[in-house]
């Protein structure tokens, strides 16, 4: 089969990508999908040459990344859709159609990705409607109360039951991919920190890994471990935030406020490490800006020991509450089969018993030497998505304690050179929500000509839609918080 196979963060020559004719391209990707690979990106090789596209897939069984190119220079920008047979490819095809005017023939549901009410060359899009005398429609957003980001939710209901939820996003589109292409080196890290405000470490980690691979720089083990400690601190902080948010949504004030107190300790530990409670400023190309000394280590360890002790008691209180469990259990179920077919990633996937974790299947940085445990639950409901947060906090604490106790000596940054010409890299990182993807290509002068980003929310918003089917509309806030997805990460 004509396919380029790579490892995570492996630099490659653009000339090694096999570019096939329309039919060959379609068939090659189909064969990879039939063999268990999963599509993670469908994009032009260069933004200004939409006639040449690449499909990027991953195979968790072999820990390999696969790239196949399609050359449409001598024909129409159209191909037979994969989405009828492989539903998870649906949204990638919609994105390619929206951004570059490709037509996926016989696509089951061509819908906007970031343009709300427009598809293919400004054609109007009609929202799905359920017909019936007792059917009613509820529209929520895009503007919400409080500090919630903008997004539009349209419910088709029969009585209190939701039969279809359609989510319209894109209200925060900032053109980040093009900004990253045009920016100088000093601004790119700042931009990557702004992709999704609650995933500063995750996206900056992915960005720096991609640029460092293109520059062929090797980091010290000390720098890599400091990075992974920061990533796990972000995971702990956001999981505590999610637990508190769900407790608040069911009116359970005591655990809600207690989780909030512990989240403060987690983000204060990030501030101890980097000077910012969100981890901004820690990453630089070639390593990290700040080192760990005994004083910082002692403060972080004290904070984490308090979290470890107190979160166990709060978890026991929350998960032994009959009232709380009655709201969590069998609410917003996404089965394993559905989760696999639509391509859920990260926490949402593992809550439906899918083993999906980049740290394990595509290990990078210090995770290559210090693995984490795969944790899954099988019920796929609100309970599983919340309980898994608690379990992952325990695992992250174990990981950080182990790394700090065995922190190696060495420099915290390495000198970085120019990015290699006519090259590409696919960088994968497991953010606290799941799989983050950054794909970068350079031209003959080493200048970046395409920068493609995929946040885990891109995969998982549709999972929220399916979780609401035949669920009471009053359970929407609870289901929504159990997924806890990013609007800005999706909108870019």
Protein backbone atom coordinates (compact mmCIF):
# COMPACT_ATOMS: atom_id res chain seq x y z
CA UNK A 1 0.00 0.00 0.00
CA UNK A 2 1.23 3.52 -0.83
CA UNK A 3 1.50 5.11 2.60
CA UNK A 4 4.13 6.96 4.63
CA UNK A 5 4.47 5.52 8.14
CA UNK A 6 5.94 7.58 10.98
CA UNK A 7 6.33 7.77 14.73
CA UNK A 8 5.10 10.61 16.90
CA UNK A 9 7.25 13.75 16.40
CA UNK A 10 9.31 12.13 13.65
CA UNK A 11 10.54 14.64 11.07
CA UNK A 12 10.14 13.57 7.44
CA UNK A 13 10.88 14.82 3.95
CA UNK A 14 7.77 16.11 2.18
CA UNK A 15 8.90 14.32 -0.98
CA UNK A 16 8.32 10.95 0.75
CA UNK A 17 4.54 11.49 0.91
CA UNK A 18 2.91 9.35 -1.80
CA UNK A 19 0.47 11.47 -3.83
CA UNK A 20 -2.14 9.36 -5.59
CA UNK A 21 -4.94 9.95 -8.06
CA UNK A 22 -8.45 10.63 -6.78
CA UNK A 23 -9.63 7.00 -6.82
CA UNK A 24 -6.32 5.57 -5.56
CA UNK A 25 -6.26 8.10 -2.73
CA UNK A 26 -9.81 7.26 -1.71
CA UNK A 27 -9.14 3.51 -1.85
CA UNK A 28 -5.87 3.72 0.11
CA UNK A 29 -7.47 5.67 2.93
CA UNK A 30 -10.44 3.25 2.94
CA UNK A 31 -8.07 0.31 3.29
CA UNK A 32 -6.32 1.92 6.26
CA UNK A 33 -9.67 2.66 7.92
CA UNK A 34 -10.82 -0.94 7.38
CA UNK A 35 -7.63 -2.14 9.08
CA UNK A 36 -8.44 -0.16 12.22
CA UNK A 37 -6.71 3.18 11.64
CA UNK A 38 -8.43 6.41 12.64
CA UNK A 39 -8.43 9.67 10.68
CA UNK A 40 -6.99 12.63 12.60
CA UNK A 41 -6.60 15.27 9.86
CA UNK A 42 -7.66 15.97 6.28
CA UNK A 43 -5.88 19.08 4.97
CA UNK A 44 -3.96 20.53 2.01
CA UNK A 45 -0.20 20.12 2.10
CA UNK A 46 0.06 23.89 1.63
CA UNK A 47 -2.76 26.32 2.32
CA UNK A 48 -2.36 28.10 -1.03
CA UNK A 49 -2.36 24.82 -3.02
CA UNK A 50 -5.70 23.18 -2.12
CA UNK A 51 -5.46 20.70 -5.04
CA UNK A 52 -2.96 18.54 -3.11
CA UNK A 53 -4.35 17.18 0.16
CA UNK A 54 -3.17 14.70 2.75
CA UNK A 55 -5.05 12.30 5.00
CA UNK A 56 -3.30 11.69 8.33
CA UNK A 57 -4.32 8.59 10.29
CA UNK A 58 -3.16 6.83 13.44
CA UNK A 59 -2.92 3.14 14.29
CA UNK A 60 -2.84 2.65 18.06
CA UNK A 61 -1.93 -1.03 17.75
CA UNK A 62 1.37 -0.26 16.01
CA UNK A 63 1.86 3.26 17.48
CA UNK A 64 2.28 4.52 13.93
CA UNK A 65 1.11 7.62 12.10
CA UNK A 66 0.14 7.13 8.45
CA UNK A 67 0.03 9.76 5.70
CA UNK A 68 -1.50 9.39 2.24
CA UNK A 69 -1.63 12.22 -0.31
CA UNK A 70 -4.26 12.92 -2.94
CA UNK A 71 -3.49 14.89 -6.12
CA UNK A 72 -6.57 16.67 -7.53
CA UNK A 73 -4.68 19.05 -9.85
CA UNK A 74 -6.17 17.53 -13.00
CA UNK A 75 -9.78 17.14 -11.89
CA UNK A 76 -12.58 18.39 -9.71
CA UNK A 77 -12.10 18.89 -5.98
CA UNK A 78 -14.36 15.98 -5.07
CA UNK A 79 -14.13 12.42 -3.80
CA UNK A 80 -16.51 9.73 -2.60
CA UNK A 81 -17.23 10.26 1.09
CA UNK A 82 -15.92 7.79 3.68
CA UNK A 83 -18.44 8.91 6.28
CA UNK A 84 -21.20 6.42 5.41
CA UNK A 85 -18.91 3.51 6.26
CA UNK A 86 -16.65 5.26 8.80
CA UNK A 87 -18.73 7.88 10.65
CA UNK A 88 -15.78 9.46 12.48
CA UNK A 89 -14.50 10.87 9.16
CA UNK A 90 -17.69 12.94 8.79
CA UNK A 91 -16.52 16.15 10.47
CA UNK A 92 -13.09 16.13 8.81
CA UNK A 93 -14.80 16.02 5.41
CA UNK A 94 -17.09 18.87 6.44
CA UNK A 95 -14.06 20.93 7.49
CA UNK A 96 -12.27 20.28 4.19
CA UNK A 97 -15.41 21.27 2.28
CA UNK A 98 -15.85 24.44 4.31
CA UNK A 99 -12.22 25.58 4.17
CA UNK A 100 -11.22 24.50 0.66
CA UNK A 101 -14.46 23.87 -1.29
CA UNK A 102 -14.02 20.12 -1.66
CA UNK A 103 -17.17 18.11 -2.31
CA UNK A 104 -17.39 14.76 -0.50
CA UNK A 105 -19.83 12.95 -2.78
CA UNK A 106 -22.79 11.22 -1.09
CA UNK A 107 -21.83 12.66 2.28
CA UNK A 108 -24.56 11.73 4.81
CA UNK A 109 -24.71 15.11 6.58
CA UNK A 110 -22.71 18.01 5.18
CA UNK A 111 -22.92 20.70 7.83
CA UNK A 112 -21.05 23.83 8.93
CA UNK A 113 -18.01 23.47 11.14
CA UNK A 114 -17.25 27.10 12.01
CA UNK A 115 -19.49 29.14 9.68
CA UNK A 116 -22.79 28.48 11.54
CA UNK A 117 -25.34 28.70 8.71
CA UNK A 118 -23.25 28.29 5.55
CA UNK A 119 -21.92 25.29 3.62
CA UNK A 120 -20.09 24.92 0.28
CA UNK A 121 -19.60 28.25 -1.46
CA UNK A 122 -22.01 30.18 0.80
CA UNK A 123 -25.01 27.90 0.31
CA UNK A 124 -27.50 28.23 3.20
CA UNK A 125 -27.63 25.39 5.71
CA UNK A 126 -30.90 24.20 7.21
CA UNK A 127 -30.92 22.85 10.74
CA UNK A 128 -32.41 19.42 11.32
CA UNK A 129 -36.08 19.53 12.28
CA UNK A 130 -38.20 16.83 13.92
CA UNK A 131 -41.83 16.80 12.76
CA UNK A 132 -44.89 16.01 14.84
CA UNK A 133 -47.78 17.75 16.56
CA UNK A 134 -46.23 17.54 20.05
CA UNK A 135 -42.65 18.23 18.97
CA UNK A 136 -41.14 21.50 20.11
CA UNK A 137 -37.77 23.17 19.56
CA UNK A 138 -35.58 24.83 22.18
CA UNK A 139 -32.78 27.14 21.04
CA UNK A 140 -30.05 28.08 23.53
CA UNK A 141 -27.25 30.55 22.90
CA UNK A 142 -24.92 31.48 21.36
CA UNK A 143 -24.74 34.03 24.17
CA UNK A 144 -24.93 32.44 27.62
CA UNK A 145 -25.09 33.73 31.16
CA UNK A 146 -21.89 34.08 33.14
CA UNK A 147 -18.48 33.49 31.58
CA UNK A 148 -19.44 30.59 29.30
CA UNK A 149 -18.02 30.83 25.80
CA UNK A 150 -20.44 31.29 22.86
CA UNK A 151 -22.08 28.31 21.19
CA UNK A 152 -25.57 27.60 19.83
CA UNK A 153 -27.54 24.52 20.93
CA UNK A 154 -30.76 23.56 19.16
CA UNK A 155 -32.86 20.85 20.82
CA UNK A 156 -35.64 18.92 19.08
CA UNK A 157 -37.85 17.64 21.90
CA UNK A 158 -40.95 15.59 22.46
CA UNK A 159 -42.13 16.58 25.89
CA UNK A 160 -39.08 16.64 28.14
CA UNK A 161 -37.08 14.12 26.06
CA UNK A 162 -34.42 15.30 23.62
CA UNK A 163 -34.54 13.42 20.32
CA UNK A 164 -31.88 15.47 18.57
CA UNK A 165 -29.38 18.09 19.68
CA UNK A 166 -27.59 20.06 16.98
CA UNK A 167 -24.60 22.13 18.07
CA UNK A 168 -23.47 25.15 16.04
CA UNK A 169 -20.02 26.57 16.84
CA UNK A 170 -17.49 28.91 15.26
CA UNK A 171 -18.35 32.13 17.07
CA UNK A 172 -14.78 32.40 18.39
CA UNK A 173 -12.87 31.66 15.21
CA UNK A 174 -9.65 33.69 15.29
CA UNK A 175 -7.72 32.24 12.36
CA UNK A 176 -5.05 30.83 14.65
CA UNK A 177 -3.58 28.43 12.10
CA UNK A 178 -2.86 31.27 9.66
CA UNK A 179 -1.60 33.46 12.50
CA UNK A 180 0.91 30.74 13.43
CA UNK A 181 2.06 30.52 9.81
CA UNK A 182 2.61 34.28 9.57
CA UNK A 183 4.04 34.89 13.05
CA UNK A 184 7.71 35.09 13.98
CA UNK A 185 9.28 32.63 16.41
CA UNK A 186 8.79 34.90 19.44
CA UNK A 187 5.05 35.14 18.90
CA UNK A 188 4.30 31.51 18.02
CA UNK A 189 4.60 30.20 21.57
CA UNK A 190 2.32 33.00 22.83
CA UNK A 191 -0.23 32.09 20.15
CA UNK A 192 -0.05 28.39 21.04
CA UNK A 193 -0.71 29.28 24.69
CA UNK A 194 -3.93 30.99 23.53
CA UNK A 195 -5.47 28.17 21.45
CA UNK A 196 -7.58 27.02 24.40
CA UNK A 197 -7.16 28.93 27.64
CA UNK A 198 -7.72 25.89 29.87
CA UNK A 199 -5.20 23.80 27.89
CA UNK A 200 -2.24 26.17 27.84
CA UNK A 201 0.26 23.45 28.69
CA UNK A 202 -1.26 20.84 26.36
CA UNK A 203 -1.23 22.97 23.20
CA UNK A 204 2.10 24.67 23.93
CA UNK A 205 3.64 21.25 24.58
CA UNK A 206 2.41 20.03 21.18
CA UNK A 207 3.56 23.17 19.38
CA UNK A 208 7.06 23.15 20.88
CA UNK A 209 7.46 19.42 20.19
CA UNK A 210 6.61 20.01 16.51
CA UNK A 211 9.00 22.94 16.07
CA UNK A 212 11.78 21.15 17.98
CA UNK A 213 11.40 18.09 15.75
CA UNK A 214 11.66 20.27 12.64
CA UNK A 215 14.76 21.88 14.15
CA UNK A 216 16.21 18.47 15.11
CA UNK A 217 17.01 19.53 18.66
CA UNK A 218 17.27 17.02 21.49
CA UNK A 219 15.97 18.07 24.91
CA UNK A 220 17.58 17.16 28.22
CA UNK A 221 15.75 14.60 30.31
CA UNK A 222 15.38 17.17 33.10
CA UNK A 223 13.57 19.57 30.78
CA UNK A 224 11.32 16.78 29.50
CA UNK A 225 10.35 15.74 33.02
CA UNK A 226 9.59 19.33 34.08
CA UNK A 227 7.31 19.58 31.04
CA UNK A 228 5.44 16.39 31.94
CA UNK A 229 5.06 17.53 35.55
CA UNK A 230 3.45 20.74 34.26
CA UNK A 231 1.16 18.74 31.96
CA UNK A 232 -0.01 16.54 34.83
CA UNK A 233 -0.55 19.56 37.08
CA UNK A 234 -2.81 21.02 34.39
CA UNK A 235 -4.66 17.69 34.19
CA UNK A 236 -5.19 17.64 37.98
CA UNK A 237 -6.38 21.26 38.05
CA UNK A 238 -8.88 20.84 35.23
CA UNK A 239 -10.21 17.52 36.51
CA UNK A 240 -10.79 19.15 39.91
CA UNK A 241 -12.56 22.00 38.11
CA UNK A 242 -14.76 19.48 36.25
CA UNK A 243 -15.66 17.62 39.44
CA UNK A 244 -16.57 20.89 41.12
CA UNK A 245 -18.63 21.99 38.13
CA UNK A 246 -20.69 18.81 38.09
CA UNK A 247 -21.26 18.97 41.86
CA UNK A 248 -22.42 22.56 41.42
CA UNK A 249 -24.79 21.59 38.58
CA UNK A 250 -26.67 19.20 40.87
CA UNK A 251 -26.74 21.75 43.70
CA UNK A 252 -24.25 19.88 45.90
CA UNK A 253 -22.50 22.90 47.39
CA UNK A 254 -20.07 21.31 49.86
CA UNK A 255 -18.06 19.16 47.38
CA UNK A 256 -18.35 21.90 44.73
CA UNK A 257 -16.62 24.47 46.93
CA UNK A 258 -14.13 21.89 48.26
CA UNK A 259 -13.00 20.88 44.77
CA UNK A 260 -12.60 24.58 43.99
CA UNK A 261 -10.30 25.00 46.99
CA UNK A 262 -8.11 22.11 45.82
CA UNK A 263 -8.02 23.40 42.24
CA UNK A 264 -6.52 26.60 43.62
CA UNK A 265 -3.70 24.57 45.16
CA UNK A 266 -3.09 22.83 41.82
CA UNK A 267 -2.90 26.03 39.78
CA UNK A 268 -0.82 27.67 42.51
CA UNK A 269 1.63 24.79 42.02
CA UNK A 270 1.77 25.66 38.31
CA UNK A 271 2.46 29.27 39.31
CA UNK A 272 5.25 28.06 41.58
CA UNK A 273 6.77 26.31 38.58
CA UNK A 274 6.26 28.98 35.93
CA UNK A 275 5.06 32.24 37.48
CA UNK A 276 1.62 31.81 35.92
CA UNK A 277 -1.30 29.87 37.37
CA UNK A 278 -2.13 28.71 33.82
CA UNK A 279 1.44 27.71 32.97
CA UNK A 280 2.10 30.56 30.54
CA UNK A 281 5.74 31.36 29.97
CA UNK A 282 7.10 27.98 31.04
CA UNK A 283 7.79 26.52 27.59
CA UNK A 284 10.54 27.76 25.30
CA UNK A 285 11.92 26.08 22.20
CA UNK A 286 14.51 23.58 23.39
CA UNK A 287 13.22 23.18 26.93
CA UNK A 288 11.71 25.24 29.76
CA UNK A 289 12.31 28.76 31.03
CA UNK A 290 12.29 27.92 34.76
CA UNK A 291 14.02 25.21 36.75
CA UNK A 292 12.89 23.38 39.87
CA UNK A 293 14.82 24.07 43.07
CA UNK A 294 14.35 22.67 46.58
CA UNK A 295 12.09 25.53 47.68
CA UNK A 296 9.74 25.12 44.70
CA UNK A 297 9.73 21.35 45.04
CA UNK A 298 8.82 21.55 48.74
CA UNK A 299 5.94 23.96 48.06
CA UNK A 300 4.58 21.86 45.19
CA UNK A 301 4.88 18.64 47.17
CA UNK A 302 3.06 20.16 50.16
CA UNK A 303 0.24 21.36 47.90
CA UNK A 304 -0.10 18.00 46.18
CA UNK A 305 -0.10 16.05 49.44
CA UNK A 306 -2.99 18.20 50.66
CA UNK A 307 -4.81 17.53 47.39
CA UNK A 308 -4.14 13.80 47.64
CA UNK A 309 -5.43 13.58 51.20
CA UNK A 310 -8.44 15.88 50.84
CA UNK A 311 -9.66 14.80 47.40
CA UNK A 312 -10.07 11.23 48.64
CA UNK A 313 -12.44 12.40 51.37
CA UNK A 314 -14.40 14.67 49.01
CA UNK A 315 -14.64 11.90 46.39
CA UNK A 316 -15.94 9.47 49.02
CA UNK A 317 -18.56 12.03 50.02
CA UNK A 318 -19.68 12.79 46.44
CA UNK A 319 -19.73 9.22 45.16
CA UNK A 320 -21.52 7.82 48.23
CA UNK A 321 -24.37 10.30 47.91
CA UNK A 322 -27.56 8.56 46.77
CA UNK A 323 -28.86 11.84 45.41
CA UNK A 324 -25.72 12.52 43.39
CA UNK A 325 -25.53 8.98 42.00
CA UNK A 326 -29.17 9.10 40.96
CA UNK A 327 -28.29 12.08 38.74
CA UNK A 328 -25.01 10.60 37.42
CA UNK A 329 -25.81 6.96 36.72
CA UNK A 330 -27.39 6.02 33.37
CA UNK A 331 -27.54 9.69 32.34
CA UNK A 332 -26.10 10.76 28.98
CA UNK A 333 -24.88 7.33 27.89
CA UNK A 334 -22.51 6.92 24.94
CA UNK A 335 -21.93 3.22 24.28
CA UNK A 336 -18.55 1.77 23.39
CA UNK A 337 -19.71 1.02 19.85
CA UNK A 338 -20.99 4.55 19.27
CA UNK A 339 -17.88 6.08 20.87
CA UNK A 340 -15.63 4.09 18.54
CA UNK A 341 -17.68 4.81 15.42
CA UNK A 342 -17.71 8.60 15.93
CA UNK A 343 -14.06 8.71 17.02
CA UNK A 344 -14.25 9.96 20.60
CA UNK A 345 -10.87 10.64 22.18
CA UNK A 346 -9.38 11.13 25.62
CA UNK A 347 -11.49 11.11 28.78
CA UNK A 348 -14.78 10.80 26.86
CA UNK A 349 -13.47 7.74 24.99
CA UNK A 350 -12.00 6.05 28.07
CA UNK A 351 -15.33 6.56 29.89
CA UNK A 352 -16.89 4.37 27.19
CA UNK A 353 -14.23 1.65 27.60
CA UNK A 354 -12.09 2.73 24.62
CA UNK A 355 -8.36 2.55 25.28
CA UNK A 356 -7.30 5.89 23.81
CA UNK A 357 -4.33 7.70 25.38
CA UNK A 358 -1.52 9.31 23.40
CA UNK A 359 0.84 9.03 26.38
CA UNK A 360 0.58 5.24 26.12
CA UNK A 361 -0.02 4.52 22.42
CA UNK A 362 2.24 7.24 20.98
CA UNK A 363 4.61 7.94 23.89
CA UNK A 364 6.57 11.19 23.81
CA UNK A 365 9.03 13.06 25.98
CA UNK A 366 9.39 11.62 29.50
CA UNK A 367 6.37 9.33 29.03
CA UNK A 368 8.65 7.12 26.93
CA UNK A 369 10.61 6.24 30.07
CA UNK A 370 7.94 6.69 32.75
CA UNK A 371 4.62 5.29 31.53
CA UNK A 372 1.22 6.07 32.99
CA UNK A 373 -1.55 3.54 33.53
CA UNK A 374 -4.47 3.08 31.15
CA UNK A 375 -7.71 3.65 33.07
CA UNK A 376 -11.10 3.00 31.50
CA UNK A 377 -14.69 2.62 32.65
CA UNK A 378 -17.45 0.87 30.79
CA UNK A 379 -20.78 2.62 31.43
CA UNK A 380 -20.23 5.65 29.19
CA UNK A 381 -22.52 7.84 31.31
CA UNK A 382 -22.08 10.99 33.40
CA UNK A 383 -20.94 8.82 36.30
CA UNK A 384 -18.13 7.29 34.24
CA UNK A 385 -16.94 10.65 32.91
CA UNK A 386 -16.88 12.08 36.43
CA UNK A 387 -15.49 9.03 38.22
CA UNK A 388 -12.70 8.74 35.66
CA UNK A 389 -11.59 12.26 36.53
CA UNK A 390 -11.14 11.21 40.13
CA UNK A 391 -9.14 8.13 39.12
CA UNK A 392 -6.94 10.11 36.75
CA UNK A 393 -6.16 12.66 39.47
CA UNK A 394 -4.80 9.81 41.61
CA UNK A 395 -2.67 8.55 38.70
CA UNK A 396 -1.33 12.02 37.92
CA UNK A 397 -0.38 12.55 41.56
CA UNK A 398 1.45 9.23 41.59
CA UNK A 399 3.28 10.17 38.40
CA UNK A 400 4.35 13.61 39.67
CA UNK A 401 5.56 12.28 43.03
CA UNK A 402 7.64 9.68 41.21
CA UNK A 403 9.15 12.20 38.81
CA UNK A 404 10.04 14.74 41.49
CA UNK A 405 11.65 12.09 43.68
CA UNK A 406 13.79 10.94 40.74
CA UNK A 407 14.41 14.28 39.01
CA UNK A 408 17.68 14.01 37.07
CA UNK A 409 20.37 16.66 36.98
CA UNK A 410 21.09 18.57 33.79
CA UNK A 411 20.38 21.69 31.79
CA UNK A 412 16.82 22.88 31.28
CA UNK A 413 17.19 24.09 27.69
CA UNK A 414 19.09 23.19 24.54
CA UNK A 415 20.15 25.42 21.68
CA UNK A 416 17.74 25.31 18.76
CA UNK A 417 18.57 25.91 15.12
CA UNK A 418 16.54 26.72 12.02
CA UNK A 419 13.63 24.57 10.91
CA UNK A 420 14.58 22.03 8.24
CA UNK A 421 13.50 22.81 4.68
CA UNK A 422 10.85 20.83 2.74
CA UNK A 423 9.96 18.87 5.86
CA UNK A 424 6.96 17.93 7.94
CA UNK A 425 6.06 16.61 11.38
CA UNK A 426 3.00 15.26 13.15
CA UNK A 427 3.03 15.99 16.89
CA UNK A 428 0.57 14.28 19.26
CA UNK A 429 0.09 15.09 22.95
CA UNK A 430 -2.50 13.86 25.44
CA UNK A 431 -4.10 16.99 26.88
CA UNK A 432 -6.43 16.70 29.84
CA UNK A 433 -9.39 16.37 27.44
CA UNK A 434 -7.60 14.01 25.07
CA UNK A 435 -5.64 13.87 21.83
CA UNK A 436 -4.10 17.15 20.62
CA UNK A 437 -2.65 17.20 17.10
CA UNK A 438 -0.34 19.79 15.52
CA UNK A 439 0.90 19.18 11.96
CA UNK A 440 3.52 21.49 10.45
CA UNK A 441 5.08 21.70 6.97
CA UNK A 442 7.98 23.84 5.75
CA UNK A 443 9.03 24.98 2.26
CA UNK A 444 12.45 25.00 0.56
CA UNK A 445 13.53 27.93 2.75
CA UNK A 446 12.43 26.30 6.00
CA UNK A 447 9.45 28.65 6.26
CA UNK A 448 6.19 27.23 7.64
CA UNK A 449 3.63 26.87 4.84
CA UNK A 450 0.92 24.93 6.65
CA UNK A 451 0.02 24.61 10.32
CA UNK A 452 -2.90 22.34 11.17
CA UNK A 453 -4.37 22.01 14.67
CA UNK A 454 -6.89 19.54 16.07
CA UNK A 455 -8.15 19.97 19.61
CA UNK A 456 -9.88 16.98 21.28
CA UNK A 457 -13.11 18.98 21.38
CA UNK A 458 -13.24 18.72 17.57
CA UNK A 459 -13.87 14.99 18.05
CA UNK A 460 -16.03 15.10 21.13
CA UNK A 461 -18.74 17.75 20.60
CA UNK A 462 -20.75 15.27 18.55
CA UNK A 463 -20.46 12.82 21.44
CA UNK A 464 -22.33 15.32 23.60
CA UNK A 465 -25.08 15.52 20.95
CA UNK A 466 -25.52 11.74 21.00
CA UNK A 467 -25.39 11.58 24.81
CA UNK A 468 -28.51 13.78 24.94
CA UNK A 469 -30.66 11.53 22.75
CA UNK A 470 -33.72 10.30 24.69
CA UNK A 471 -32.41 12.14 27.74
CA UNK A 472 -34.38 14.77 29.64
CA UNK A 473 -33.52 18.28 28.51
CA UNK A 474 -33.08 19.22 32.18
CA UNK A 475 -30.01 16.94 32.22
CA UNK A 476 -28.27 18.94 29.48
CA UNK A 477 -26.16 21.13 31.84
CA UNK A 478 -24.99 18.02 33.68
CA UNK A 479 -24.11 16.14 30.46
CA UNK A 480 -22.44 19.23 29.04
CA UNK A 481 -20.25 19.66 32.11
CA UNK A 482 -19.38 15.96 32.19
CA UNK A 483 -17.81 16.36 28.72
CA UNK A 484 -16.51 19.86 29.57
CA UNK A 485 -15.49 20.70 25.99
CA UNK A 486 -13.75 23.76 24.60
CA UNK A 487 -15.44 26.23 22.27
CA UNK A 488 -12.25 28.12 21.45
CA UNK A 489 -10.25 24.91 20.95
CA UNK A 490 -12.80 23.83 18.35
CA UNK A 491 -13.17 27.24 16.72
CA UNK A 492 -9.45 28.08 16.48
